[in-house]
Structure formats: C-alpha cells, structure tokens
C-alpha cells in the first residue's frame, strides 16, 4: 500500500497567498515563497500552488513566482491556474514545476488531458475538480467556483482518468475553509470508482480529520491550506500523530 501524502496548498492571488471560506472572503496568509520554503523544511510531501484568479482573469500563471519557489524547495511541486494549452505546461515544467493541475480548461477542452499525458506522461497531469453538494449531487464548478457546469463529480473524474489524468484533486466547495472534516463519503466513492490516486481537499480543521480522510475516505493524499498557513497544525506533529494511529505516512 502506497504511503499517504500531506500536501499544503498555496492559493495565490496578486502574488500573495490567500485563504477563504467556501471559495469567498479571502484573507492574506503570507508570502508564497517563504511559506513554500517552510513547508519543504517541515516535511511536507508535496506542494500545490494555485493561481486562483488566472483562469477567471484570462491570463497566464506568474512564471517568475513559479521559478522562485522551485529554486527554494526540494519536494514535488504542482502548479494550477491559467493553463490553456500544451505549451503552457512545457513552460511551467521548464520553470521548475513537477506536475500541472487542470480545472477550467479540462472541462472546456477535455482533449488537453490526453495531449498532456501523451507529451509529458500521465504523472504530470492532475485533474482538479471543484464540486459543490447541491440537490443530492456533487456539481462541478470552474473559474474558481464561479461557473456552474453540467458535469457531475464521479462521472467527470472517471472521464478524466480515461482521458489520461494521473491524479484527481477533489475540492469540496461545501467543506472549503469550514474545518469540520473532509467529505469522506464522496472521497470513498471516488476511491472505489477510480484506479488513480485521489487527493482530498476542503475541510481540514484538526488532526483527526486527516486520520479520518485516510481511513474512512480512503484518500491517497490530504491537501490543506489555512490550518498550515496560520500554524494551527504543524506538519511534523501531524505526521507523528498519524504514525501513532498506524497510518502509513511518508
């Protein structure tokens, strides 16, 4: 069984790390380069960097910021936001990224998943899905939670896998920033449906939530932001706790 991963997430807007609740009410959380260095040193397994307004503002990811982070950390690094074509992926990988995260563009143009997988390998392509639980269904959204789509979480995740995605990063908009735990039932269903790793995002508030997402949600990795940014949970202490709970952690 693969070891579980702990992944801090840097949501970046205007060059600053921000964090909100249910995708709104953003507040500043620090310098992304400094936070990235801290997380690398604290023992994070990977880092995710999301330029959260790039797609909405129809611009490219801040490439100089990507380079500065990559130069200062020693762990795998995933970039999302503002990716519209295969050449964008080439540019980000050359700047130091290990993987790219696709959301809005993948919904608009699913073929890009296959193109990236063919050009760079499936391991480079993370399909990020933002979904909100409404009317007893998980409905997918794009553009940082602004645009409702006709896609449903489980069928879209399976389609993305079939197209060549190497991982699914599922963020529950209903749980984002609320700190009451991850959507473990939905995560478990994703685990049972897919053959690729699932990264859980949205809902971390205490260490027990990480234990639950690995045991009940069967997630392969747990992503969190505010609990790490504001020092509520320390990564080393979290990993020590999870090991005590007999969870195979990196």
C-alpha atoms as a PDB file:
ATOM      1  CA  UNK A   1       0.000   0.000   0.000  1.00  0.00           C
ATOM      2  CA  UNK A   2       1.373   3.401  -1.017  1.00  0.00           C
ATOM      3  CA  UNK A   3       2.265   5.792   1.778  1.00  0.00           C
ATOM      4  CA  UNK A   4      -0.201   8.619   2.320  1.00  0.00           C
ATOM      5  CA  UNK A   5       0.864  12.183   1.485  1.00  0.00           C
ATOM      6  CA  UNK A   6       0.395  15.518   3.259  1.00  0.00           C
ATOM      7  CA  UNK A   7       0.178  18.429   0.826  1.00  0.00           C
ATOM      8  CA  UNK A   8      -0.020  22.112   1.790  1.00  0.00           C
ATOM      9  CA  UNK A   9      -1.747  24.287  -0.804  1.00  0.00           C
ATOM     10  CA  UNK A  10      -0.815  27.859  -1.668  1.00  0.00           C
ATOM     11  CA  UNK A  11      -3.774  29.704  -3.172  1.00  0.00           C
ATOM     12  CA  UNK A  12      -2.160  32.765  -4.736  1.00  0.00           C
ATOM     13  CA  UNK A  13      -3.862  35.998  -5.803  1.00  0.00           C
ATOM     14  CA  UNK A  14      -1.899  39.071  -6.951  1.00  0.00           C
ATOM     15  CA  UNK A  15       1.335  37.376  -5.848  1.00  0.00           C
ATOM     16  CA  UNK A  16       0.145  36.818  -2.254  1.00  0.00           C
ATOM     17  CA  UNK A  17      -1.048  33.643  -0.529  1.00  0.00           C
ATOM     18  CA  UNK A  18      -4.742  33.947   0.386  1.00  0.00           C
ATOM     19  CA  UNK A  19      -7.339  31.719   2.047  1.00  0.00           C
ATOM     20  CA  UNK A  20     -11.101  31.978   2.191  1.00  0.00           C
ATOM     21  CA  UNK A  21     -14.189  30.047   3.240  1.00  0.00           C
ATOM     22  CA  UNK A  22     -16.372  28.306   0.621  1.00  0.00           C
ATOM     23  CA  UNK A  23     -14.198  29.985  -2.044  1.00  0.00           C
ATOM     24  CA  UNK A  24     -15.039  33.562  -0.891  1.00  0.00           C
ATOM     25  CA  UNK A  25     -13.988  36.081   1.819  1.00  0.00           C
ATOM     26  CA  UNK A  26     -10.289  35.805   1.023  1.00  0.00           C
ATOM     27  CA  UNK A  27      -7.682  36.986   3.535  1.00  0.00           C
ATOM     28  CA  UNK A  28      -3.925  37.204   3.155  1.00  0.00           C
ATOM     29  CA  UNK A  29      -1.850  34.351   4.571  1.00  0.00           C
ATOM     30  CA  UNK A  30       1.726  35.311   3.736  1.00  0.00           C
ATOM     31  CA  UNK A  31       4.433  35.307   1.100  1.00  0.00           C
ATOM     32  CA  UNK A  32       4.168  32.190  -1.102  1.00  0.00           C
ATOM     33  CA  UNK A  33       7.938  31.715  -1.454  1.00  0.00           C
ATOM     34  CA  UNK A  34       8.526  31.931   2.313  1.00  0.00           C
ATOM     35  CA  UNK A  35       5.618  29.550   3.011  1.00  0.00           C
ATOM     36  CA  UNK A  36       6.862  27.101   0.376  1.00  0.00           C
ATOM     37  CA  UNK A  37      10.329  27.025   1.990  1.00  0.00           C
ATOM     38  CA  UNK A  38       8.783  26.489   5.452  1.00  0.00           C
ATOM     39  CA  UNK A  39       6.646  23.581   4.227  1.00  0.00           C
ATOM     40  CA  UNK A  40       9.548  21.949   2.416  1.00  0.00           C
ATOM     41  CA  UNK A  41      11.659  22.179   5.575  1.00  0.00           C
ATOM     42  CA  UNK A  42       8.805  20.949   7.822  1.00  0.00           C
ATOM     43  CA  UNK A  43       8.443  17.690   5.914  1.00  0.00           C
ATOM     44  CA  UNK A  44       5.535  18.263   3.535  1.00  0.00           C
ATOM     45  CA  UNK A  45       5.456  15.556   0.860  1.00  0.00           C
ATOM     46  CA  UNK A  46       4.430  17.840  -1.972  1.00  0.00           C
ATOM     47  CA  UNK A  47       3.276  21.383  -2.554  1.00  0.00           C
ATOM     48  CA  UNK A  48       0.373  22.663  -4.649  1.00  0.00           C
ATOM     49  CA  UNK A  49       0.381  26.227  -5.967  1.00  0.00           C
ATOM     50  CA  UNK A  50      -2.904  27.518  -7.425  1.00  0.00           C
ATOM     51  CA  UNK A  51      -3.053  30.893  -9.147  1.00  0.00           C
ATOM     52  CA  UNK A  52      -6.727  31.138  -8.232  1.00  0.00           C
ATOM     53  CA  UNK A  53      -7.762  34.057 -10.449  1.00  0.00           C
ATOM     54  CA  UNK A  54      -5.641  33.289 -13.546  1.00  0.00           C
ATOM     55  CA  UNK A  55      -8.434  31.453 -15.399  1.00  0.00           C
ATOM     56  CA  UNK A  56     -11.107  33.976 -14.402  1.00  0.00           C
ATOM     57  CA  UNK A  57      -8.845  36.886 -15.423  1.00  0.00           C
ATOM     58  CA  UNK A  58      -7.823  35.007 -18.599  1.00  0.00           C
ATOM     59  CA  UNK A  59      -4.087  35.341 -18.052  1.00  0.00           C
ATOM     60  CA  UNK A  60      -1.091  33.071 -17.578  1.00  0.00           C
ATOM     61  CA  UNK A  61       0.319  31.914 -14.232  1.00  0.00           C
ATOM     62  CA  UNK A  62       3.026  34.131 -12.690  1.00  0.00           C
ATOM     63  CA  UNK A  63       6.056  32.340 -14.131  1.00  0.00           C
ATOM     64  CA  UNK A  64       8.682  34.252 -12.111  1.00  0.00           C
ATOM     65  CA  UNK A  65       6.958  33.238  -8.872  1.00  0.00           C
ATOM     66  CA  UNK A  66       6.990  29.606 -10.007  1.00  0.00           C
ATOM     67  CA  UNK A  67      10.734  29.822 -10.640  1.00  0.00           C
ATOM     68  CA  UNK A  68      11.431  31.421  -7.249  1.00  0.00           C
ATOM     69  CA  UNK A  69       9.504  28.716  -5.411  1.00  0.00           C
ATOM     70  CA  UNK A  70      11.081  25.872  -7.401  1.00  0.00           C
ATOM     71  CA  UNK A  71      14.592  27.186  -6.701  1.00  0.00           C
ATOM     72  CA  UNK A  72      13.965  27.107  -2.951  1.00  0.00           C
ATOM     73  CA  UNK A  73      12.260  23.786  -2.294  1.00  0.00           C
ATOM     74  CA  UNK A  74      13.201  20.116  -2.565  1.00  0.00           C
ATOM     75  CA  UNK A  75       9.773  18.460  -2.821  1.00  0.00           C
ATOM     76  CA  UNK A  76       7.446  17.846  -5.805  1.00  0.00           C
ATOM     77  CA  UNK A  77       5.555  20.931  -6.832  1.00  0.00           C
ATOM     78  CA  UNK A  78       2.201  21.136  -8.680  1.00  0.00           C
ATOM     79  CA  UNK A  79       1.041  24.304 -10.469  1.00  0.00           C
ATOM     80  CA  UNK A  80      -2.513  25.212 -11.430  1.00  0.00           C
ATOM     81  CA  UNK A  81      -4.244  28.249 -12.909  1.00  0.00           C
ATOM     82  CA  UNK A  82      -4.095  29.908 -16.309  1.00  0.00           C
ATOM     83  CA  UNK A  83      -3.138  26.774 -18.240  1.00  0.00           C
ATOM     84  CA  UNK A  84      -4.827  26.800 -21.645  1.00  0.00           C
ATOM     85  CA  UNK A  85      -2.574  24.813 -23.974  1.00  0.00           C
ATOM     86  CA  UNK A  86       0.203  22.249 -24.006  1.00  0.00           C
ATOM     87  CA  UNK A  87       2.850  24.966 -24.474  1.00  0.00           C
ATOM     88  CA  UNK A  88       1.827  26.430 -21.084  1.00  0.00           C
ATOM     89  CA  UNK A  89       2.636  23.080 -19.481  1.00  0.00           C
ATOM     90  CA  UNK A  90       6.040  22.984 -21.176  1.00  0.00           C
ATOM     91  CA  UNK A  91       6.744  26.495 -19.854  1.00  0.00           C
ATOM     92  CA  UNK A  92       5.767  25.606 -16.274  1.00  0.00           C
ATOM     93  CA  UNK A  93       7.768  22.369 -16.242  1.00  0.00           C
ATOM     94  CA  UNK A  94      10.785  24.292 -17.528  1.00  0.00           C
ATOM     95  CA  UNK A  95      10.267  26.834 -14.735  1.00  0.00           C
ATOM     96  CA  UNK A  96      10.533  24.053 -12.143  1.00  0.00           C
ATOM     97  CA  UNK A  97       7.079  22.532 -11.731  1.00  0.00           C
ATOM     98  CA  UNK A  98       6.784  18.733 -11.472  1.00  0.00           C
ATOM     99  CA  UNK A  99       3.067  18.493 -12.284  1.00  0.00           C
ATOM    100  CA  UNK A 100       0.255  20.715 -13.522  1.00  0.00           C
ATOM    101  CA  UNK A 101      -3.272  20.944 -12.195  1.00  0.00           C
ATOM    102  CA  UNK A 102      -6.068  21.498 -14.715  1.00  0.00           C
ATOM    103  CA  UNK A 103      -9.610  22.516 -13.892  1.00  0.00           C
ATOM    104  CA  UNK A 104     -11.474  25.028 -16.098  1.00  0.00           C
ATOM    105  CA  UNK A 105      -9.590  24.211 -19.301  1.00  0.00           C
ATOM    106  CA  UNK A 106     -10.100  20.466 -18.811  1.00  0.00           C
ATOM    107  CA  UNK A 107     -13.873  20.971 -18.611  1.00  0.00           C
ATOM    108  CA  UNK A 108     -13.888  23.222 -21.701  1.00  0.00           C
ATOM    109  CA  UNK A 109     -11.420  21.103 -23.682  1.00  0.00           C
ATOM    110  CA  UNK A 110     -11.061  17.566 -22.266  1.00  0.00           C
ATOM    111  CA  UNK A 111      -8.676  16.643 -25.099  1.00  0.00           C
ATOM    112  CA  UNK A 112      -5.946  18.686 -23.362  1.00  0.00           C
ATOM    113  CA  UNK A 113      -5.709  15.955 -20.678  1.00  0.00           C
ATOM    114  CA  UNK A 114      -4.822  13.392 -23.347  1.00  0.00           C
ATOM    115  CA  UNK A 115      -2.416  15.784 -25.061  1.00  0.00           C
ATOM    116  CA  UNK A 116      -0.534  16.470 -21.818  1.00  0.00           C
ATOM    117  CA  UNK A 117      -0.418  12.771 -20.910  1.00  0.00           C
ATOM    118  CA  UNK A 118       0.961  11.901 -24.358  1.00  0.00           C
ATOM    119  CA  UNK A 119       3.565  14.679 -24.339  1.00  0.00           C
ATOM    120  CA  UNK A 120       4.737  14.549 -20.727  1.00  0.00           C
ATOM    121  CA  UNK A 121       3.249  11.399 -19.134  1.00  0.00           C
ATOM    122  CA  UNK A 122       0.095  10.897 -17.057  1.00  0.00           C
ATOM    123  CA  UNK A 123       2.031  11.552 -13.843  1.00  0.00           C
ATOM    124  CA  UNK A 124       2.343  15.229 -14.844  1.00  0.00           C
ATOM    125  CA  UNK A 125      -1.417  15.730 -15.270  1.00  0.00           C
ATOM    126  CA  UNK A 126      -3.576  16.343 -12.179  1.00  0.00           C
ATOM    127  CA  UNK A 127      -7.250  16.926 -12.909  1.00  0.00           C
ATOM    128  CA  UNK A 128      -8.589  19.303 -10.259  1.00  0.00           C
ATOM    129  CA  UNK A 129     -12.326  19.163  -9.660  1.00  0.00           C
ATOM    130  CA  UNK A 130     -14.151  21.791  -7.592  1.00  0.00           C
ATOM    131  CA  UNK A 131     -17.596  20.465  -6.714  1.00  0.00           C
ATOM    132  CA  UNK A 132     -20.467  21.625  -4.551  1.00  0.00           C
ATOM    133  CA  UNK A 133     -23.043  19.316  -2.985  1.00  0.00           C
ATOM    134  CA  UNK A 134     -26.486  20.502  -4.085  1.00  0.00           C
ATOM    135  CA  UNK A 135     -29.780  18.717  -4.807  1.00  0.00           C
ATOM    136  CA  UNK A 136     -28.208  15.424  -3.623  1.00  0.00           C
ATOM    137  CA  UNK A 137     -25.485  15.637  -6.285  1.00  0.00           C
ATOM    138  CA  UNK A 138     -21.893  16.842  -6.493  1.00  0.00           C
ATOM    139  CA  UNK A 139     -21.978  19.523  -9.199  1.00  0.00           C
ATOM    140  CA  UNK A 140     -18.678  20.645 -10.756  1.00  0.00           C
ATOM    141  CA  UNK A 141     -17.711  24.319 -10.990  1.00  0.00           C
ATOM    142  CA  UNK A 142     -14.999  26.164 -12.928  1.00  0.00           C
ATOM    143  CA  UNK A 143     -13.252  29.558 -12.762  1.00  0.00           C
ATOM    144  CA  UNK A 144     -12.510  29.362  -9.048  1.00  0.00           C
ATOM    145  CA  UNK A 145     -16.027  28.267  -8.116  1.00  0.00           C
ATOM    146  CA  UNK A 146     -17.774  30.973 -10.151  1.00  0.00           C
ATOM    147  CA  UNK A 147     -19.282  28.969 -13.011  1.00  0.00           C
ATOM    148  CA  UNK A 148     -21.643  26.025 -12.535  1.00  0.00           C
ATOM    149  CA  UNK A 149     -21.255  23.273 -15.122  1.00  0.00           C
ATOM    150  CA  UNK A 150     -23.434  20.354 -16.183  1.00  0.00           C
ATOM    151  CA  UNK A 151     -20.745  17.899 -15.050  1.00  0.00           C
ATOM    152  CA  UNK A 152     -21.111  15.644 -12.018  1.00  0.00           C
ATOM    153  CA  UNK A 153     -18.121  14.761  -9.856  1.00  0.00           C
ATOM    154  CA  UNK A 154     -17.945  10.975 -10.201  1.00  0.00           C
ATOM    155  CA  UNK A 155     -18.636  10.716 -13.927  1.00  0.00           C
ATOM    156  CA  UNK A 156     -16.266  13.596 -14.727  1.00  0.00           C
ATOM    157  CA  UNK A 157     -13.490  12.103 -12.569  1.00  0.00           C
ATOM    158  CA  UNK A 158     -13.846   8.756 -14.379  1.00  0.00           C
ATOM    159  CA  UNK A 159     -13.814  10.506 -17.757  1.00  0.00           C
ATOM    160  CA  UNK A 160     -10.657  12.427 -16.777  1.00  0.00           C
ATOM    161  CA  UNK A 161      -8.980   9.164 -15.764  1.00  0.00           C
ATOM    162  CA  UNK A 162      -9.916   7.574 -19.097  1.00  0.00           C
ATOM    163  CA  UNK A 163      -8.511  10.604 -20.931  1.00  0.00           C
ATOM    164  CA  UNK A 164      -5.141  10.143 -19.216  1.00  0.00           C
ATOM    165  CA  UNK A 165      -5.156  12.113 -15.960  1.00  0.00           C
ATOM    166  CA  UNK A 166      -2.688  10.726 -13.416  1.00  0.00           C
ATOM    167  CA  UNK A 167      -4.427  12.014 -10.274  1.00  0.00           C
ATOM    168  CA  UNK A 168      -7.711  13.615  -9.220  1.00  0.00           C
ATOM    169  CA  UNK A 169      -7.627  16.584  -6.835  1.00  0.00           C
ATOM    170  CA  UNK A 170     -11.170  16.906  -5.477  1.00  0.00           C
ATOM    171  CA  UNK A 171     -12.014  20.074  -3.559  1.00  0.00           C
ATOM    172  CA  UNK A 172     -15.373  20.202  -1.832  1.00  0.00           C
ATOM    173  CA  UNK A 173     -16.669  23.763  -2.079  1.00  0.00           C
ATOM    174  CA  UNK A 174     -19.190  22.864   0.626  1.00  0.00           C
ATOM    175  CA  UNK A 175     -16.354  21.984   3.033  1.00  0.00           C
ATOM    176  CA  UNK A 176     -13.730  24.553   1.966  1.00  0.00           C
ATOM    177  CA  UNK A 177     -12.378  26.518   4.934  1.00  0.00           C
ATOM    178  CA  UNK A 178     -15.175  25.311   7.245  1.00  0.00           C
ATOM    179  CA  UNK A 179     -12.799  22.983   9.186  1.00  0.00           C
ATOM    180  CA  UNK A 180     -15.406  20.335  10.025  1.00  0.00           C
ATOM    181  CA  UNK A 181     -13.713  17.462   8.186  1.00  0.00           C
ATOM    182  CA  UNK A 182     -13.337  16.207   4.634  1.00  0.00           C
ATOM    183  CA  UNK A 183     -16.233  14.822   2.518  1.00  0.00           C
ATOM    184  CA  UNK A 184     -15.245  11.240   3.275  1.00  0.00           C
ATOM    185  CA  UNK A 185     -18.262   9.521   1.747  1.00  0.00           C
ATOM    186  CA  UNK A 186     -17.675  11.184  -1.629  1.00  0.00           C
ATOM    187  CA  UNK A 187     -13.943  10.511  -1.401  1.00  0.00           C
ATOM    188  CA  UNK A 188     -14.515   6.841  -0.654  1.00  0.00           C
ATOM    189  CA  UNK A 189     -16.798   6.601  -3.693  1.00  0.00           C
ATOM    190  CA  UNK A 190     -14.085   8.208  -5.837  1.00  0.00           C
ATOM    191  CA  UNK A 191     -11.535   5.722  -4.472  1.00  0.00           C
ATOM    192  CA  UNK A 192     -13.831   2.809  -5.303  1.00  0.00           C
ATOM    193  CA  UNK A 193     -14.579   4.175  -8.804  1.00  0.00           C
ATOM    194  CA  UNK A 194     -11.091   5.146  -9.962  1.00  0.00           C
ATOM    195  CA  UNK A 195      -7.742   3.423 -10.471  1.00  0.00           C
ATOM    196  CA  UNK A 196      -5.650   6.589  -9.997  1.00  0.00           C
ATOM    197  CA  UNK A 197      -4.767   8.425  -6.748  1.00  0.00           C
ATOM    198  CA  UNK A 198      -7.274  10.811  -5.183  1.00  0.00           C
ATOM    199  CA  UNK A 199      -6.148  13.956  -3.351  1.00  0.00           C
ATOM    200  CA  UNK A 200      -8.689  15.236  -0.804  1.00  0.00           C
ATOM    201  CA  UNK A 201      -9.145  18.977  -0.374  1.00  0.00           C
ATOM    202  CA  UNK A 202     -11.558  21.044   1.695  1.00  0.00           C
ATOM    203  CA  UNK A 203     -12.466  20.623   5.349  1.00  0.00           C
ATOM    204  CA  UNK A 204      -9.305  20.085   7.411  1.00  0.00           C
ATOM    205  CA  UNK A 205      -9.630  21.602  10.873  1.00  0.00           C
ATOM    206  CA  UNK A 206      -7.841  19.229  13.249  1.00  0.00           C
ATOM    207  CA  UNK A 207      -5.521  16.234  13.130  1.00  0.00           C
ATOM    208  CA  UNK A 208      -8.365  13.727  13.451  1.00  0.00           C
ATOM    209  CA  UNK A 209      -9.748  14.946  10.144  1.00  0.00           C
ATOM    210  CA  UNK A 210      -6.562  13.750   8.402  1.00  0.00           C
ATOM    211  CA  UNK A 211      -6.847  10.341  10.062  1.00  0.00           C
ATOM    212  CA  UNK A 212     -10.496  10.105   9.000  1.00  0.00           C
ATOM    213  CA  UNK A 213      -9.825  11.094   5.403  1.00  0.00           C
ATOM    214  CA  UNK A 214      -7.221   8.348   5.063  1.00  0.00           C
ATOM    215  CA  UNK A 215      -9.218   5.642   6.853  1.00  0.00           C
ATOM    216  CA  UNK A 216     -12.846   6.496   6.042  1.00  0.00           C
ATOM    217  CA  UNK A 217     -12.306   8.476   2.827  1.00  0.00           C
ATOM    218  CA  UNK A 218      -9.541   6.167   1.552  1.00  0.00           C
ATOM    219  CA  UNK A 219      -7.787   9.233   0.112  1.00  0.00           C
ATOM    220  CA  UNK A 220      -4.227   8.827  -1.155  1.00  0.00           C
ATOM    221  CA  UNK A 221      -3.246  12.348  -0.114  1.00  0.00           C
ATOM    222  CA  UNK A 222      -4.720  15.132   2.013  1.00  0.00           C
ATOM    223  CA  UNK A 223      -4.368  18.741   0.969  1.00  0.00           C
ATOM    224  CA  UNK A 224      -4.925  21.643   3.361  1.00  0.00           C
ATOM    225  CA  UNK A 225      -4.223  25.356   3.483  1.00  0.00           C
ATOM    226  CA  UNK A 226      -5.356  27.557   6.378  1.00  0.00           C
ATOM    227  CA  UNK A 227      -4.569  25.087   9.189  1.00  0.00           C
ATOM    228  CA  UNK A 228      -0.971  25.071   7.956  1.00  0.00           C
ATOM    229  CA  UNK A 229      -0.695  28.740   6.951  1.00  0.00           C
ATOM    230  CA  UNK A 230      -1.893  30.031  10.317  1.00  0.00           C
ATOM    231  CA  UNK A 231       0.066  27.499  12.382  1.00  0.00           C
ATOM    232  CA  UNK A 232      -2.961  25.643  13.748  1.00  0.00           C
ATOM    233  CA  UNK A 233      -1.418  22.308  12.739  1.00  0.00           C
ATOM    234  CA  UNK A 234       2.308  21.652  12.332  1.00  0.00           C
ATOM    235  CA  UNK A 235       3.216  19.144   9.632  1.00  0.00           C
ATOM    236  CA  UNK A 236       5.772  17.240  11.715  1.00  0.00           C
ATOM    237  CA  UNK A 237       3.326  16.887  14.626  1.00  0.00           C
ATOM    238  CA  UNK A 238       0.588  15.808  12.227  1.00  0.00           C
ATOM    239  CA  UNK A 239       2.796  13.092  10.736  1.00  0.00           C
ATOM    240  CA  UNK A 240       3.817  11.871  14.200  1.00  0.00           C
ATOM    241  CA  UNK A 241       0.131  11.671  15.173  1.00  0.00           C
ATOM    242  CA  UNK A 242      -0.797   9.761  12.011  1.00  0.00           C
ATOM    243  CA  UNK A 243       2.010   7.263  12.558  1.00  0.00           C
ATOM    244  CA  UNK A 244       0.730   6.680  16.098  1.00  0.00           C
ATOM    245  CA  UNK A 245      -2.677   5.993  14.531  1.00  0.00           C
ATOM    246  CA  UNK A 246      -0.990   3.270  12.410  1.00  0.00           C
ATOM    247  CA  UNK A 247      -1.365   5.180   9.144  1.00  0.00           C
ATOM    248  CA  UNK A 248       1.387   4.567   6.614  1.00  0.00           C
ATOM    249  CA  UNK A 249       2.658   8.104   6.078  1.00  0.00           C
ATOM    250  CA  UNK A 250       5.701   9.283   4.159  1.00  0.00           C
END
